[in-house]
């Protein structure tokens, strides 16, 4: 994906930046829904690139129907866990994750909810820092997978108020029903 061309999507990018940087807001999820080909992935890439350059913790996950690993939620939790553990000042995240992995190395046998709780949510509770998770093209994940993912996010992330989640997708009914 490419980033936005200069001086394009300025209002949308401003709104996203304002939301993402507002540590007092209780609105943790921002959903950008539009038709295919309207630039949602470009906007997601722009925000990820900006946060990377600013050394802010951002964790992207780009779904795609063109790759087996990214057309389901099977790799979502382990990918987020690895990316979060790579941040230099997330030592407590790494410690919590390592403690879980000492006892359970076969994470692929766990349900999505268990993986989310143990690999992402539990370790995230150990830190008190702003984190932006960017989930692009959620509509390209299978319906059961996106339902599990959204349910886990909505049920747990309110307990980690410093975590924000930006989601892009086409405006599918099942996603809308869960997010509303």
N, C-alpha and C. Protein backbone atom coordinates (compact mmCIF):
# COMPACT_ATOMS: atom_id res chain seq x y z
N UNK A 1 0.83 -1.18 0.00
CA UNK A 1 0.00 0.00 0.00
C UNK A 1 0.87 1.25 0.00
N UNK A 2 0.38 2.27 -0.62
CA UNK A 2 1.07 3.55 -0.64
C UNK A 2 0.43 4.48 0.37
N UNK A 3 1.17 5.55 0.72
CA UNK A 3 0.61 6.57 1.59
C UNK A 3 -0.16 7.58 0.74
N UNK A 4 -0.86 8.47 1.40
CA UNK A 4 -1.67 9.47 0.70
C UNK A 4 -0.79 10.46 -0.06
N UNK A 5 -1.27 10.87 -1.20
CA UNK A 5 -0.62 11.94 -1.95
C UNK A 5 -0.76 13.21 -1.13
N UNK A 6 0.29 14.03 -1.15
CA UNK A 6 0.30 15.25 -0.35
C UNK A 6 -0.94 16.10 -0.64
N UNK A 7 -1.50 16.69 0.40
CA UNK A 7 -2.67 17.57 0.33
C UNK A 7 -3.95 16.87 -0.12
N UNK A 8 -4.03 15.56 0.11
CA UNK A 8 -5.27 14.83 -0.16
C UNK A 8 -5.78 14.25 1.16
N UNK A 9 -7.05 14.05 1.23
CA UNK A 9 -7.72 13.47 2.41
C UNK A 9 -7.36 14.20 3.71
N UNK A 10 -7.09 15.49 3.60
CA UNK A 10 -6.57 16.26 4.74
C UNK A 10 -7.56 16.29 5.91
N UNK A 11 -8.85 16.46 5.63
CA UNK A 11 -9.83 16.53 6.72
C UNK A 11 -9.96 15.18 7.43
N UNK A 12 -10.04 14.10 6.66
CA UNK A 12 -10.13 12.77 7.25
C UNK A 12 -8.88 12.46 8.08
N UNK A 13 -7.71 12.73 7.53
CA UNK A 13 -6.46 12.46 8.26
C UNK A 13 -6.38 13.30 9.53
N UNK A 14 -6.82 14.55 9.46
CA UNK A 14 -6.84 15.40 10.65
C UNK A 14 -7.74 14.80 11.73
N UNK A 15 -8.93 14.35 11.32
CA UNK A 15 -9.87 13.75 12.27
C UNK A 15 -9.30 12.49 12.90
N UNK A 16 -8.63 11.67 12.10
CA UNK A 16 -8.02 10.44 12.63
C UNK A 16 -6.91 10.78 13.61
N UNK A 17 -6.04 11.71 13.23
CA UNK A 17 -4.93 12.11 14.12
C UNK A 17 -5.46 12.64 15.44
N UNK A 18 -6.48 13.49 15.36
CA UNK A 18 -7.06 14.07 16.58
C UNK A 18 -7.60 12.97 17.48
N UNK A 19 -8.38 12.05 16.91
CA UNK A 19 -8.92 10.94 17.68
C UNK A 19 -7.80 10.07 18.27
N UNK A 20 -6.83 9.70 17.45
CA UNK A 20 -5.76 8.78 17.89
C UNK A 20 -4.90 9.39 18.99
N UNK A 21 -4.70 10.69 18.95
CA UNK A 21 -3.83 11.34 19.93
C UNK A 21 -4.57 11.80 21.19
N UNK A 22 -5.88 11.68 21.21
CA UNK A 22 -6.67 12.12 22.36
C UNK A 22 -6.70 11.02 23.42
N UNK A 23 -5.88 11.18 24.43
CA UNK A 23 -5.80 10.16 25.48
C UNK A 23 -6.95 10.26 26.48
N UNK A 24 -7.77 11.29 26.37
CA UNK A 24 -8.90 11.44 27.29
C UNK A 24 -10.21 10.90 26.71
N UNK A 25 -10.22 10.63 25.43
CA UNK A 25 -11.44 10.15 24.77
C UNK A 25 -11.77 8.72 25.19
N UNK A 26 -13.05 8.45 25.36
CA UNK A 26 -13.48 7.08 25.66
C UNK A 26 -13.81 6.32 24.38
N UNK A 27 -13.76 6.98 23.25
CA UNK A 27 -14.03 6.34 21.96
C UNK A 27 -12.75 5.62 21.51
N UNK A 28 -12.74 4.32 21.68
CA UNK A 28 -11.54 3.54 21.38
C UNK A 28 -11.50 2.99 19.97
N UNK A 29 -12.65 2.86 19.33
CA UNK A 29 -12.69 2.26 18.00
C UNK A 29 -13.15 3.30 16.99
N UNK A 30 -12.40 3.42 15.91
CA UNK A 30 -12.76 4.29 14.79
C UNK A 30 -12.89 3.40 13.57
N UNK A 31 -14.08 3.39 12.99
CA UNK A 31 -14.36 2.56 11.82
C UNK A 31 -14.49 3.44 10.60
N UNK A 32 -13.66 3.19 9.60
CA UNK A 32 -13.75 3.89 8.32
C UNK A 32 -14.32 2.89 7.33
N UNK A 33 -15.55 3.13 6.92
CA UNK A 33 -16.24 2.21 6.02
C UNK A 33 -16.59 2.94 4.73
N UNK A 34 -16.24 2.31 3.62
CA UNK A 34 -16.54 2.89 2.31
C UNK A 34 -16.44 1.79 1.26
N UNK A 35 -16.85 2.12 0.05
CA UNK A 35 -16.79 1.16 -1.06
C UNK A 35 -15.34 0.74 -1.34
N UNK A 36 -15.21 -0.34 -2.08
CA UNK A 36 -13.89 -0.81 -2.51
C UNK A 36 -13.24 0.24 -3.41
N UNK A 37 -11.95 0.42 -3.27
CA UNK A 37 -11.20 1.31 -4.15
C UNK A 37 -11.26 2.78 -3.81
N UNK A 38 -11.76 3.12 -2.62
CA UNK A 38 -11.89 4.55 -2.27
C UNK A 38 -10.71 5.09 -1.46
N UNK A 39 -9.70 4.27 -1.19
CA UNK A 39 -8.50 4.76 -0.52
C UNK A 39 -8.40 4.47 0.96
N UNK A 40 -9.22 3.59 1.45
CA UNK A 40 -9.18 3.26 2.88
C UNK A 40 -7.82 2.69 3.29
N UNK A 41 -7.28 1.79 2.48
CA UNK A 41 -5.98 1.19 2.79
C UNK A 41 -4.86 2.22 2.69
N UNK A 42 -5.00 3.16 1.79
CA UNK A 42 -4.01 4.23 1.65
C UNK A 42 -4.02 5.10 2.90
N UNK A 43 -5.19 5.41 3.41
CA UNK A 43 -5.31 6.18 4.65
C UNK A 43 -4.71 5.40 5.82
N UNK A 44 -5.01 4.11 5.90
CA UNK A 44 -4.45 3.28 6.97
C UNK A 44 -2.92 3.29 6.90
N UNK A 45 -2.38 3.11 5.71
CA UNK A 45 -0.92 3.12 5.54
C UNK A 45 -0.34 4.48 5.93
N UNK A 46 -1.02 5.56 5.60
CA UNK A 46 -0.56 6.90 5.96
C UNK A 46 -0.44 7.05 7.47
N UNK A 47 -1.48 6.64 8.19
CA UNK A 47 -1.48 6.77 9.65
C UNK A 47 -0.38 5.89 10.26
N UNK A 48 -0.24 4.66 9.79
CA UNK A 48 0.80 3.77 10.29
C UNK A 48 2.18 4.38 10.05
N UNK A 49 2.41 4.90 8.87
CA UNK A 49 3.69 5.52 8.53
C UNK A 49 3.98 6.72 9.42
N UNK A 50 2.99 7.56 9.63
CA UNK A 50 3.18 8.73 10.50
C UNK A 50 3.52 8.33 11.93
N UNK A 51 2.81 7.35 12.46
CA UNK A 51 3.08 6.92 13.83
C UNK A 51 4.46 6.26 13.92
N UNK A 52 4.82 5.48 12.93
CA UNK A 52 6.17 4.88 12.90
C UNK A 52 7.24 5.96 12.94
N UNK A 53 7.10 6.96 12.09
CA UNK A 53 8.09 8.05 12.01
C UNK A 53 8.16 8.83 13.31
N UNK A 54 7.06 8.93 14.03
CA UNK A 54 7.02 9.65 15.30
C UNK A 54 7.41 8.77 16.48
N UNK A 55 7.78 7.53 16.21
CA UNK A 55 8.16 6.56 17.24
C UNK A 55 7.03 6.31 18.24
N UNK A 56 5.79 6.38 17.75
CA UNK A 56 4.64 6.05 18.57
C UNK A 56 4.30 4.58 18.31
N UNK A 57 3.87 3.86 19.34
CA UNK A 57 3.55 2.44 19.15
C UNK A 57 2.30 2.25 18.29
N UNK A 58 2.52 1.73 17.10
CA UNK A 58 1.42 1.43 16.18
C UNK A 58 1.60 0.00 15.70
N UNK A 59 0.49 -0.74 15.67
CA UNK A 59 0.53 -2.14 15.27
C UNK A 59 -0.46 -2.34 14.13
N UNK A 60 0.05 -2.49 12.92
CA UNK A 60 -0.86 -2.69 11.79
C UNK A 60 -1.11 -4.17 11.50
N UNK A 61 -2.32 -4.44 11.03
CA UNK A 61 -2.63 -5.76 10.49
C UNK A 61 -3.49 -5.52 9.26
N UNK A 62 -2.98 -5.94 8.10
CA UNK A 62 -3.66 -5.73 6.83
C UNK A 62 -4.23 -7.06 6.34
N UNK A 63 -5.55 -7.19 6.40
CA UNK A 63 -6.18 -8.38 5.86
C UNK A 63 -6.15 -8.33 4.34
N UNK A 64 -6.14 -9.52 3.72
CA UNK A 64 -6.18 -9.60 2.26
C UNK A 64 -6.70 -10.97 1.85
N UNK A 65 -7.62 -10.97 0.89
CA UNK A 65 -8.12 -12.24 0.39
C UNK A 65 -7.11 -12.91 -0.54
N UNK A 66 -6.01 -12.21 -0.82
CA UNK A 66 -4.99 -12.74 -1.74
C UNK A 66 -3.90 -13.53 -1.04
N UNK A 67 -3.95 -13.62 0.28
CA UNK A 67 -2.92 -14.36 1.01
C UNK A 67 -3.58 -15.22 2.08
N UNK A 68 -3.22 -16.47 2.14
CA UNK A 68 -3.85 -17.41 3.08
C UNK A 68 -3.71 -16.95 4.53
N UNK A 69 -2.57 -16.36 4.89
CA UNK A 69 -2.35 -15.92 6.27
C UNK A 69 -3.20 -14.74 6.68
N UNK A 70 -3.72 -13.99 5.71
CA UNK A 70 -4.44 -12.77 6.05
C UNK A 70 -5.89 -12.75 5.57
N UNK A 71 -6.43 -13.91 5.24
CA UNK A 71 -7.85 -13.96 4.86
C UNK A 71 -8.71 -14.53 6.00
N UNK A 72 -8.05 -14.91 7.09
CA UNK A 72 -8.73 -15.34 8.31
C UNK A 72 -8.07 -14.63 9.49
N UNK A 73 -8.59 -14.84 10.67
CA UNK A 73 -7.99 -14.23 11.86
C UNK A 73 -6.93 -15.13 12.51
N UNK A 74 -6.56 -16.22 11.86
CA UNK A 74 -5.67 -17.22 12.46
C UNK A 74 -4.33 -16.65 12.93
N UNK A 75 -3.77 -15.70 12.21
CA UNK A 75 -2.46 -15.14 12.57
C UNK A 75 -2.56 -13.77 13.25
N UNK A 76 -3.77 -13.29 13.46
CA UNK A 76 -3.96 -11.95 13.99
C UNK A 76 -3.31 -11.78 15.37
N UNK A 77 -3.65 -12.62 16.32
CA UNK A 77 -3.17 -12.46 17.69
C UNK A 77 -1.66 -12.63 17.80
N UNK A 78 -1.12 -13.65 17.15
CA UNK A 78 0.33 -13.86 17.24
C UNK A 78 1.08 -12.72 16.54
N UNK A 79 0.54 -12.22 15.45
CA UNK A 79 1.19 -11.09 14.76
C UNK A 79 1.18 -9.85 15.65
N UNK A 80 0.04 -9.53 16.26
CA UNK A 80 -0.01 -8.37 17.15
C UNK A 80 0.93 -8.55 18.33
N UNK A 81 0.95 -9.73 18.91
CA UNK A 81 1.81 -9.98 20.07
C UNK A 81 3.28 -9.76 19.73
N UNK A 82 3.71 -10.29 18.60
CA UNK A 82 5.12 -10.13 18.19
C UNK A 82 5.43 -8.66 17.94
N UNK A 83 4.55 -7.96 17.24
CA UNK A 83 4.81 -6.55 16.94
C UNK A 83 4.83 -5.70 18.21
N UNK A 84 3.94 -5.98 19.15
CA UNK A 84 3.94 -5.24 20.41
C UNK A 84 5.18 -5.54 21.23
N UNK A 85 5.60 -6.80 21.23
CA UNK A 85 6.79 -7.19 22.00
C UNK A 85 8.07 -6.56 21.46
N UNK A 86 8.06 -6.15 20.20
CA UNK A 86 9.24 -5.54 19.60
C UNK A 86 9.50 -4.12 20.06
N UNK A 87 8.51 -3.45 20.65
CA UNK A 87 8.72 -2.08 21.11
C UNK A 87 9.66 -2.08 22.32
N UNK A 88 10.67 -1.24 22.26
CA UNK A 88 11.74 -1.22 23.27
C UNK A 88 11.22 -0.99 24.68
N UNK A 89 10.24 -0.11 24.83
CA UNK A 89 9.78 0.23 26.18
C UNK A 89 8.53 -0.55 26.60
N UNK A 90 8.34 -1.71 26.01
CA UNK A 90 7.21 -2.57 26.37
C UNK A 90 7.68 -3.81 27.13
N UNK A 91 8.64 -3.61 28.02
CA UNK A 91 9.20 -4.72 28.78
C UNK A 91 8.17 -5.50 29.57
N UNK A 92 7.21 -4.81 30.19
CA UNK A 92 6.19 -5.52 30.97
C UNK A 92 5.27 -6.33 30.06
N UNK A 93 5.05 -5.86 28.83
CA UNK A 93 4.28 -6.63 27.85
C UNK A 93 5.03 -7.93 27.55
N UNK A 94 6.34 -7.79 27.26
CA UNK A 94 7.17 -8.96 26.94
C UNK A 94 7.20 -9.95 28.10
N UNK A 95 7.34 -9.45 29.31
CA UNK A 95 7.39 -10.33 30.49
C UNK A 95 6.10 -11.11 30.66
N UNK A 96 4.98 -10.43 30.53
CA UNK A 96 3.68 -11.10 30.67
C UNK A 96 3.48 -12.13 29.57
N UNK A 97 3.85 -11.77 28.36
CA UNK A 97 3.74 -12.69 27.23
C UNK A 97 4.66 -13.90 27.42
N UNK A 98 5.89 -13.65 27.83
CA UNK A 98 6.85 -14.73 28.03
C UNK A 98 6.38 -15.70 29.12
N UNK A 99 5.79 -15.17 30.17
CA UNK A 99 5.28 -16.02 31.26
C UNK A 99 4.19 -16.95 30.73
N UNK A 100 3.28 -16.43 29.92
CA UNK A 100 2.24 -17.27 29.34
C UNK A 100 2.86 -18.33 28.42
N UNK A 101 3.80 -17.93 27.57
CA UNK A 101 4.39 -18.86 26.60
C UNK A 101 5.23 -19.94 27.28
N UNK A 102 5.74 -19.67 28.49
CA UNK A 102 6.47 -20.69 29.24
C UNK A 102 5.57 -21.89 29.55
N UNK A 103 4.28 -21.60 29.71
CA UNK A 103 3.34 -22.65 30.10
C UNK A 103 2.53 -23.21 28.95
N UNK A 104 2.47 -22.49 27.85
CA UNK A 104 1.61 -22.92 26.73
C UNK A 104 2.28 -22.55 25.40
N UNK A 105 2.99 -23.48 24.83
CA UNK A 105 3.67 -23.22 23.56
C UNK A 105 2.80 -23.54 22.35
N UNK A 106 1.76 -24.29 22.54
CA UNK A 106 0.91 -24.67 21.40
C UNK A 106 -0.28 -23.73 21.30
N UNK A 107 -0.01 -22.47 21.04
CA UNK A 107 -1.07 -21.46 21.02
C UNK A 107 -2.06 -21.68 19.89
N UNK A 108 -1.61 -22.32 18.82
CA UNK A 108 -2.52 -22.52 17.67
C UNK A 108 -3.69 -23.43 18.01
N UNK A 109 -3.60 -24.17 19.11
CA UNK A 109 -4.71 -25.05 19.51
C UNK A 109 -5.76 -24.30 20.33
N UNK A 110 -5.46 -23.09 20.73
CA UNK A 110 -6.41 -22.30 21.51
C UNK A 110 -7.45 -21.65 20.61
N UNK A 111 -8.61 -21.37 21.16
CA UNK A 111 -9.63 -20.62 20.42
C UNK A 111 -9.13 -19.20 20.17
N UNK A 112 -9.77 -18.50 19.26
CA UNK A 112 -9.37 -17.12 18.99
C UNK A 112 -9.47 -16.27 20.25
N UNK A 113 -10.55 -16.42 20.99
CA UNK A 113 -10.73 -15.63 22.21
C UNK A 113 -9.61 -15.90 23.22
N UNK A 114 -9.24 -17.17 23.38
CA UNK A 114 -8.14 -17.50 24.31
C UNK A 114 -6.82 -16.91 23.81
N UNK A 115 -6.55 -17.01 22.51
CA UNK A 115 -5.33 -16.41 21.96
C UNK A 115 -5.33 -14.90 22.20
N UNK A 116 -6.45 -14.26 21.94
CA UNK A 116 -6.55 -12.82 22.13
C UNK A 116 -6.28 -12.45 23.59
N UNK A 117 -6.93 -13.17 24.50
CA UNK A 117 -6.75 -12.88 25.92
C UNK A 117 -5.31 -13.08 26.38
N UNK A 118 -4.68 -14.16 25.95
CA UNK A 118 -3.35 -14.51 26.45
C UNK A 118 -2.21 -13.80 25.71
N UNK A 119 -2.35 -13.61 24.41
CA UNK A 119 -1.25 -13.03 23.63
C UNK A 119 -1.33 -11.51 23.48
N UNK A 120 -2.54 -10.97 23.55
CA UNK A 120 -2.70 -9.53 23.30
C UNK A 120 -3.25 -8.81 24.53
N UNK A 121 -4.44 -9.15 24.94
CA UNK A 121 -5.11 -8.41 26.01
C UNK A 121 -4.37 -8.48 27.34
N UNK A 122 -4.05 -9.69 27.78
CA UNK A 122 -3.35 -9.85 29.07
C UNK A 122 -2.06 -9.05 29.12
N UNK A 123 -1.17 -9.22 28.15
CA UNK A 123 0.06 -8.43 28.16
C UNK A 123 -0.18 -6.92 28.02
N UNK A 124 -1.21 -6.52 27.25
CA UNK A 124 -1.50 -5.09 27.11
C UNK A 124 -1.92 -4.46 28.43
N UNK A 125 -2.60 -5.22 29.28
CA UNK A 125 -3.00 -4.70 30.59
C UNK A 125 -1.78 -4.36 31.43
N UNK A 126 -0.64 -4.99 31.13
CA UNK A 126 0.57 -4.77 31.93
C UNK A 126 1.25 -3.44 31.61
N UNK A 127 0.85 -2.79 30.53
CA UNK A 127 1.46 -1.50 30.18
C UNK A 127 0.40 -0.42 30.28
N UNK A 128 0.83 0.78 30.49
CA UNK A 128 -0.10 1.91 30.54
C UNK A 128 0.40 2.98 29.59
N UNK A 129 0.41 2.61 28.32
CA UNK A 129 0.91 3.52 27.29
C UNK A 129 -0.05 3.53 26.11
N UNK A 130 -0.12 4.66 25.42
CA UNK A 130 -0.97 4.70 24.23
C UNK A 130 -0.47 3.74 23.15
N UNK A 131 -1.38 3.00 22.58
CA UNK A 131 -1.09 2.07 21.48
C UNK A 131 -2.19 2.24 20.44
N UNK A 132 -1.79 2.30 19.19
CA UNK A 132 -2.76 2.36 18.10
C UNK A 132 -2.67 1.06 17.31
N UNK A 133 -3.78 0.35 17.22
CA UNK A 133 -3.88 -0.85 16.41
C UNK A 133 -4.65 -0.46 15.15
N UNK A 134 -4.07 -0.74 13.99
CA UNK A 134 -4.72 -0.42 12.72
C UNK A 134 -5.05 -1.73 12.02
N UNK A 135 -6.34 -1.96 11.83
CA UNK A 135 -6.82 -3.18 11.16
C UNK A 135 -7.40 -2.75 9.82
N UNK A 136 -6.71 -3.09 8.76
CA UNK A 136 -7.14 -2.68 7.43
C UNK A 136 -7.84 -3.83 6.71
N UNK A 137 -8.86 -3.48 5.95
CA UNK A 137 -9.59 -4.42 5.10
C UNK A 137 -10.20 -5.57 5.90
N UNK A 138 -10.81 -5.24 7.02
CA UNK A 138 -11.45 -6.27 7.85
C UNK A 138 -12.46 -7.08 7.04
N UNK A 139 -13.08 -6.47 6.07
CA UNK A 139 -14.06 -7.17 5.24
C UNK A 139 -13.45 -8.31 4.44
N UNK A 140 -12.13 -8.34 4.30
CA UNK A 140 -11.46 -9.42 3.57
C UNK A 140 -11.15 -10.62 4.45
N UNK A 141 -11.43 -10.50 5.74
CA UNK A 141 -11.37 -11.64 6.66
C UNK A 141 -12.70 -12.37 6.55
N UNK A 142 -12.70 -13.68 6.74
CA UNK A 142 -13.94 -14.43 6.67
C UNK A 142 -14.91 -13.95 7.75
N UNK A 143 -16.19 -14.13 7.52
CA UNK A 143 -17.22 -13.57 8.40
C UNK A 143 -17.10 -14.06 9.84
N UNK A 144 -16.88 -15.34 10.04
CA UNK A 144 -16.72 -15.86 11.41
C UNK A 144 -15.50 -15.24 12.08
N UNK A 145 -14.42 -15.13 11.34
CA UNK A 145 -13.19 -14.56 11.86
C UNK A 145 -13.33 -13.11 12.27
N UNK A 146 -14.00 -12.33 11.43
CA UNK A 146 -14.16 -10.91 11.79
C UNK A 146 -15.13 -10.74 12.95
N UNK A 147 -16.12 -11.63 13.05
CA UNK A 147 -17.04 -11.58 14.19
C UNK A 147 -16.28 -11.88 15.49
N UNK A 148 -15.45 -12.91 15.48
CA UNK A 148 -14.64 -13.25 16.66
C UNK A 148 -13.72 -12.09 17.03
N UNK A 149 -13.08 -11.51 16.04
CA UNK A 149 -12.13 -10.43 16.28
C UNK A 149 -12.84 -9.21 16.87
N UNK A 150 -13.92 -8.79 16.25
CA UNK A 150 -14.64 -7.62 16.75
C UNK A 150 -15.21 -7.86 18.14
N UNK A 151 -15.72 -9.04 18.39
CA UNK A 151 -16.24 -9.36 19.73
C UNK A 151 -15.14 -9.28 20.77
N UNK A 152 -13.98 -9.83 20.46
CA UNK A 152 -12.86 -9.79 21.39
C UNK A 152 -12.42 -8.34 21.65
N UNK A 153 -12.32 -7.56 20.59
CA UNK A 153 -11.93 -6.15 20.75
C UNK A 153 -12.92 -5.40 21.63
N UNK A 154 -14.18 -5.52 21.31
CA UNK A 154 -15.20 -4.76 22.03
C UNK A 154 -15.38 -5.23 23.47
N UNK A 155 -15.15 -6.51 23.72
CA UNK A 155 -15.33 -7.04 25.07
C UNK A 155 -14.13 -6.77 25.98
N UNK A 156 -12.97 -6.53 25.41
CA UNK A 156 -11.76 -6.43 26.24
C UNK A 156 -11.10 -5.06 26.24
N UNK A 157 -11.09 -4.38 25.11
CA UNK A 157 -10.27 -3.17 25.02
C UNK A 157 -10.76 -2.02 25.89
N UNK A 158 -12.01 -2.08 26.35
CA UNK A 158 -12.45 -1.04 27.28
C UNK A 158 -11.69 -1.13 28.61
N UNK A 159 -11.03 -2.26 28.84
CA UNK A 159 -10.22 -2.43 30.06
C UNK A 159 -8.77 -2.01 29.84
N UNK A 160 -8.45 -1.61 28.61
CA UNK A 160 -7.13 -1.04 28.31
C UNK A 160 -7.38 0.30 27.61
N UNK A 161 -7.75 1.33 28.38
CA UNK A 161 -8.22 2.59 27.80
C UNK A 161 -7.18 3.34 26.97
N UNK A 162 -5.92 3.00 27.09
CA UNK A 162 -4.88 3.67 26.30
C UNK A 162 -4.75 3.06 24.91
N UNK A 163 -5.50 2.00 24.64
CA UNK A 163 -5.44 1.33 23.34
C UNK A 163 -6.56 1.85 22.45
N UNK A 164 -6.19 2.25 21.24
CA UNK A 164 -7.17 2.69 20.23
C UNK A 164 -7.06 1.73 19.04
N UNK A 165 -8.20 1.53 18.38
CA UNK A 165 -8.25 0.62 17.24
C UNK A 165 -8.91 1.34 16.06
N UNK A 166 -8.17 1.45 14.97
CA UNK A 166 -8.71 2.01 13.74
C UNK A 166 -8.96 0.85 12.78
N UNK A 167 -10.19 0.76 12.28
CA UNK A 167 -10.59 -0.32 11.39
C UNK A 167 -11.05 0.26 10.06
N UNK A 168 -10.58 -0.34 8.97
CA UNK A 168 -11.12 0.02 7.66
C UNK A 168 -11.78 -1.21 7.05
N UNK A 169 -12.85 -0.96 6.32
CA UNK A 169 -13.54 -2.05 5.63
C UNK A 169 -14.60 -1.48 4.70
N UNK A 170 -15.13 -2.34 3.86
CA UNK A 170 -16.34 -1.99 3.15
C UNK A 170 -17.47 -2.01 4.18
N UNK A 171 -18.57 -1.31 3.93
CA UNK A 171 -19.65 -1.24 4.93
C UNK A 171 -20.54 -2.48 4.93
N UNK A 172 -19.99 -3.59 5.38
CA UNK A 172 -20.76 -4.84 5.41
C UNK A 172 -21.72 -4.85 6.60
N UNK A 173 -22.86 -5.48 6.39
CA UNK A 173 -23.92 -5.52 7.41
C UNK A 173 -23.44 -6.17 8.70
N UNK A 174 -22.71 -7.29 8.61
CA UNK A 174 -22.30 -7.97 9.84
C UNK A 174 -21.34 -7.12 10.67
N UNK A 175 -20.45 -6.38 10.02
CA UNK A 175 -19.53 -5.50 10.75
C UNK A 175 -20.31 -4.36 11.38
N UNK A 176 -21.20 -3.76 10.62
CA UNK A 176 -22.02 -2.67 11.12
C UNK A 176 -22.84 -3.12 12.33
N UNK A 177 -23.46 -4.30 12.25
CA UNK A 177 -24.28 -4.81 13.34
C UNK A 177 -23.48 -4.96 14.63
N UNK A 178 -22.26 -5.43 14.53
CA UNK A 178 -21.43 -5.61 15.73
C UNK A 178 -20.94 -4.27 16.27
N UNK A 179 -20.53 -3.39 15.40
CA UNK A 179 -19.97 -2.11 15.85
C UNK A 179 -21.05 -1.13 16.33
N UNK A 180 -22.28 -1.34 15.92
CA UNK A 180 -23.35 -0.45 16.37
C UNK A 180 -23.85 -0.93 17.71
